[in-house]
Amino acid sequence: MQNALAVVTVVVVGLLVGVEFAVAVFVNPILDRLPNDGGLAARSDGARVLGKVMPFWYIGSVVLGAIWAAMAWGDTGAGLVATATALLVLSVLMSIAVLVPINSRVAQWSHDSVPEDWKQQIGRWDRFHYVRVGVIVAAFVLLVVGIA
């Protein structure tokens, strides 16, 4: 049971890392290069769509990590899993405190209602998102090492 939980947790967190990494490194930079601020509508739509899905994915990752850490307590690697889970909790707290408020505003934007400082707000979101990606990558690595 614990091995299956470990595999499921690593897969769920690994997919989360892949999506967030792709958004940070590929998707958003491509959208930002579209002419005439064409990426604005795509970012707004992405904020709405991913804003509905990602909370469940992040919280689910924390729950899976916490259950795995509890089941493995005392075993080799349990400390790594617990640390990874703490990092996932940190990523959720970062999201709630910094990223979600910006994302909620972006989700409401249209070409008619965009604020003047929209590029600065998106830039701030991107910078914090890079940090969050680093945190979840570290958590993922710890989970993978914790399997061994």
Protein backbone atom coordinates (compact mmCIF):
# COMPACT_ATOMS: atom_id res chain seq x y z
CA MET A 1 0.00 0.00 0.00
CA GLN A 2 2.76 2.42 0.94
CA ASN A 3 4.64 1.72 -2.30
CA ALA A 4 1.54 2.43 -4.36
CA LEU A 5 0.95 5.66 -2.42
CA ALA A 6 4.57 6.68 -3.01
CA VAL A 7 4.26 6.10 -6.75
CA VAL A 8 0.94 7.97 -6.98
CA THR A 9 2.35 10.88 -4.98
CA VAL A 10 5.47 11.12 -7.15
CA VAL A 11 3.40 10.99 -10.33
CA VAL A 12 0.90 13.63 -9.13
CA VAL A 13 3.64 15.98 -7.93
CA GLY A 14 5.75 15.28 -11.01
CA LEU A 15 2.89 16.23 -13.30
CA LEU A 16 2.29 19.37 -11.22
CA VAL A 17 5.94 20.30 -11.61
CA GLY A 18 5.77 19.67 -15.34
CA VAL A 19 2.74 21.88 -15.84
CA GLU A 20 4.06 24.71 -13.68
CA PHE A 21 7.51 24.51 -15.26
CA ALA A 22 5.99 24.61 -18.75
CA VAL A 23 3.88 27.65 -17.84
CA ALA A 24 6.91 29.47 -16.43
CA VAL A 25 9.49 28.61 -19.08
CA PHE A 26 7.49 28.14 -22.26
CA VAL A 27 3.82 29.17 -22.26
CA ASN A 28 3.96 32.60 -20.61
CA PRO A 29 7.08 33.75 -22.47
CA ILE A 30 5.46 32.72 -25.77
CA LEU A 31 2.26 34.57 -24.86
CA ASP A 32 4.26 37.66 -23.90
CA ARG A 33 5.83 37.75 -27.38
CA LEU A 34 2.51 37.84 -29.22
CA PRO A 35 1.97 41.13 -31.07
CA ASN A 36 -0.46 43.80 -29.89
CA ASP A 37 -0.63 42.36 -26.37
CA GLY A 38 -2.27 39.23 -27.82
CA GLY A 39 -1.14 37.20 -24.84
CA LEU A 40 -3.29 39.25 -22.48
CA ALA A 41 -6.51 37.39 -23.36
CA ALA A 42 -4.72 34.04 -23.21
CA ARG A 43 -3.25 34.83 -19.78
CA SER A 44 -6.66 35.92 -18.56
CA ASP A 45 -8.29 32.73 -19.83
CA GLY A 46 -5.46 30.65 -18.40
CA ALA A 47 -5.91 32.34 -15.04
CA ARG A 48 -9.59 31.38 -15.06
CA VAL A 49 -9.07 27.78 -16.18
CA LEU A 50 -6.00 26.92 -14.13
CA GLY A 51 -7.37 28.92 -11.20
CA LYS A 52 -10.13 26.33 -10.93
CA VAL A 53 -7.93 23.24 -11.25
CA MET A 54 -4.67 24.06 -9.52
CA PRO A 55 -5.99 24.46 -5.94
CA PHE A 56 -7.18 20.85 -5.97
CA TRP A 57 -3.89 19.69 -7.48
CA TYR A 58 -1.77 21.54 -4.92
CA ILE A 59 -3.88 20.51 -1.92
CA GLY A 60 -4.08 16.95 -3.23
CA SER A 61 -0.30 16.85 -3.48
CA VAL A 62 0.03 18.03 0.13
CA VAL A 63 -2.50 15.45 1.34
CA LEU A 64 -0.77 12.61 -0.53
CA GLY A 65 2.62 13.69 0.83
CA ALA A 66 1.29 13.95 4.38
CA ILE A 67 -0.29 10.49 4.24
CA TRP A 68 2.88 9.00 2.78
CA ALA A 69 5.03 10.72 5.44
CA ALA A 70 2.75 9.43 8.21
CA MET A 71 2.73 5.88 6.84
CA ALA A 72 6.51 5.88 6.36
CA TRP A 73 7.35 7.50 9.70
CA GLY A 74 10.42 5.79 11.14
CA ASP A 75 11.42 4.27 7.82
CA THR A 76 14.35 5.32 5.66
CA GLY A 77 13.36 8.32 3.59
CA ALA A 78 10.45 9.43 5.79
CA GLY A 79 12.27 12.63 6.71
CA LEU A 80 12.72 13.43 3.03
CA VAL A 81 9.04 12.87 2.37
CA ALA A 82 8.08 15.03 5.36
CA THR A 83 10.41 17.80 4.16
CA ALA A 84 8.97 17.55 0.65
CA THR A 85 5.48 17.83 2.10
CA ALA A 86 6.52 20.90 4.08
CA LEU A 87 7.80 22.45 0.84
CA LEU A 88 4.48 21.67 -0.83
CA VAL A 89 2.71 23.40 2.07
CA LEU A 90 5.03 26.38 1.54
CA SER A 91 4.05 26.44 -2.15
CA VAL A 92 0.35 26.51 -1.17
CA LEU A 93 0.96 29.34 1.30
CA MET A 94 2.91 31.28 -1.35
CA SER A 95 0.06 30.75 -3.77
CA ILE A 96 -2.59 31.97 -1.34
CA ALA A 97 -0.59 34.96 -0.10
CA VAL A 98 0.90 36.25 -3.34
CA LEU A 99 -0.02 34.44 -6.55
CA VAL A 100 -3.77 33.90 -6.18
CA PRO A 101 -4.59 37.57 -5.54
CA ILE A 102 -2.77 38.58 -8.73
CA ASN A 103 -4.25 35.64 -10.64
CA SER A 104 -7.77 36.59 -9.52
CA ARG A 105 -7.32 40.08 -10.95
CA VAL A 106 -5.84 38.75 -14.21
CA ALA A 107 -8.79 36.37 -14.61
CA GLN A 108 -11.15 39.37 -14.76
CA TRP A 109 -9.18 41.37 -17.32
CA SER A 110 -10.27 42.02 -20.87
CA HIS A 111 -8.87 44.45 -23.42
CA ASP A 112 -11.48 46.93 -22.21
CA SER A 113 -10.81 46.55 -18.49
CA VAL A 114 -7.06 46.01 -18.23
CA PRO A 115 -5.29 48.29 -15.73
CA GLU A 116 -2.40 50.48 -16.83
CA ASP A 117 0.09 48.54 -14.73
CA TRP A 118 -0.96 45.14 -16.07
CA LYS A 119 2.52 44.29 -17.36
CA GLN A 120 4.04 45.03 -13.94
CA GLN A 121 1.42 42.83 -12.24
CA ILE A 122 2.09 39.98 -14.65
CA GLY A 123 5.83 40.42 -14.18
CA ARG A 124 5.38 40.21 -10.40
CA TRP A 125 3.29 37.05 -10.78
CA ASP A 126 5.95 35.53 -13.05
CA ARG A 127 8.76 36.26 -10.57
CA PHE A 128 6.89 34.67 -7.68
CA HIS A 129 5.87 31.77 -9.91
CA TYR A 130 9.55 31.05 -10.68
CA VAL A 131 10.20 30.83 -6.94
CA ARG A 132 7.19 28.55 -6.48
CA VAL A 133 8.41 26.32 -9.32
CA GLY A 134 11.79 26.06 -7.56
CA VAL A 135 10.05 25.05 -4.33
CA ILE A 136 7.94 22.34 -5.96
CA VAL A 137 10.90 21.04 -7.97
CA ALA A 138 12.82 20.66 -4.70
CA ALA A 139 9.82 18.86 -3.18
CA PHE A 140 9.62 16.55 -6.19
CA VAL A 141 13.31 15.67 -5.98
CA LEU A 142 12.97 14.88 -2.27
CA LEU A 143 9.95 12.66 -2.95
CA VAL A 144 11.82 10.74 -5.64
CA VAL A 145 14.83 10.26 -3.38
CA GLY A 146 12.47 9.31 -0.54
CA ILE A 147 11.18 6.34 -2.51
CA ALA A 148 14.57 4.62 -2.41
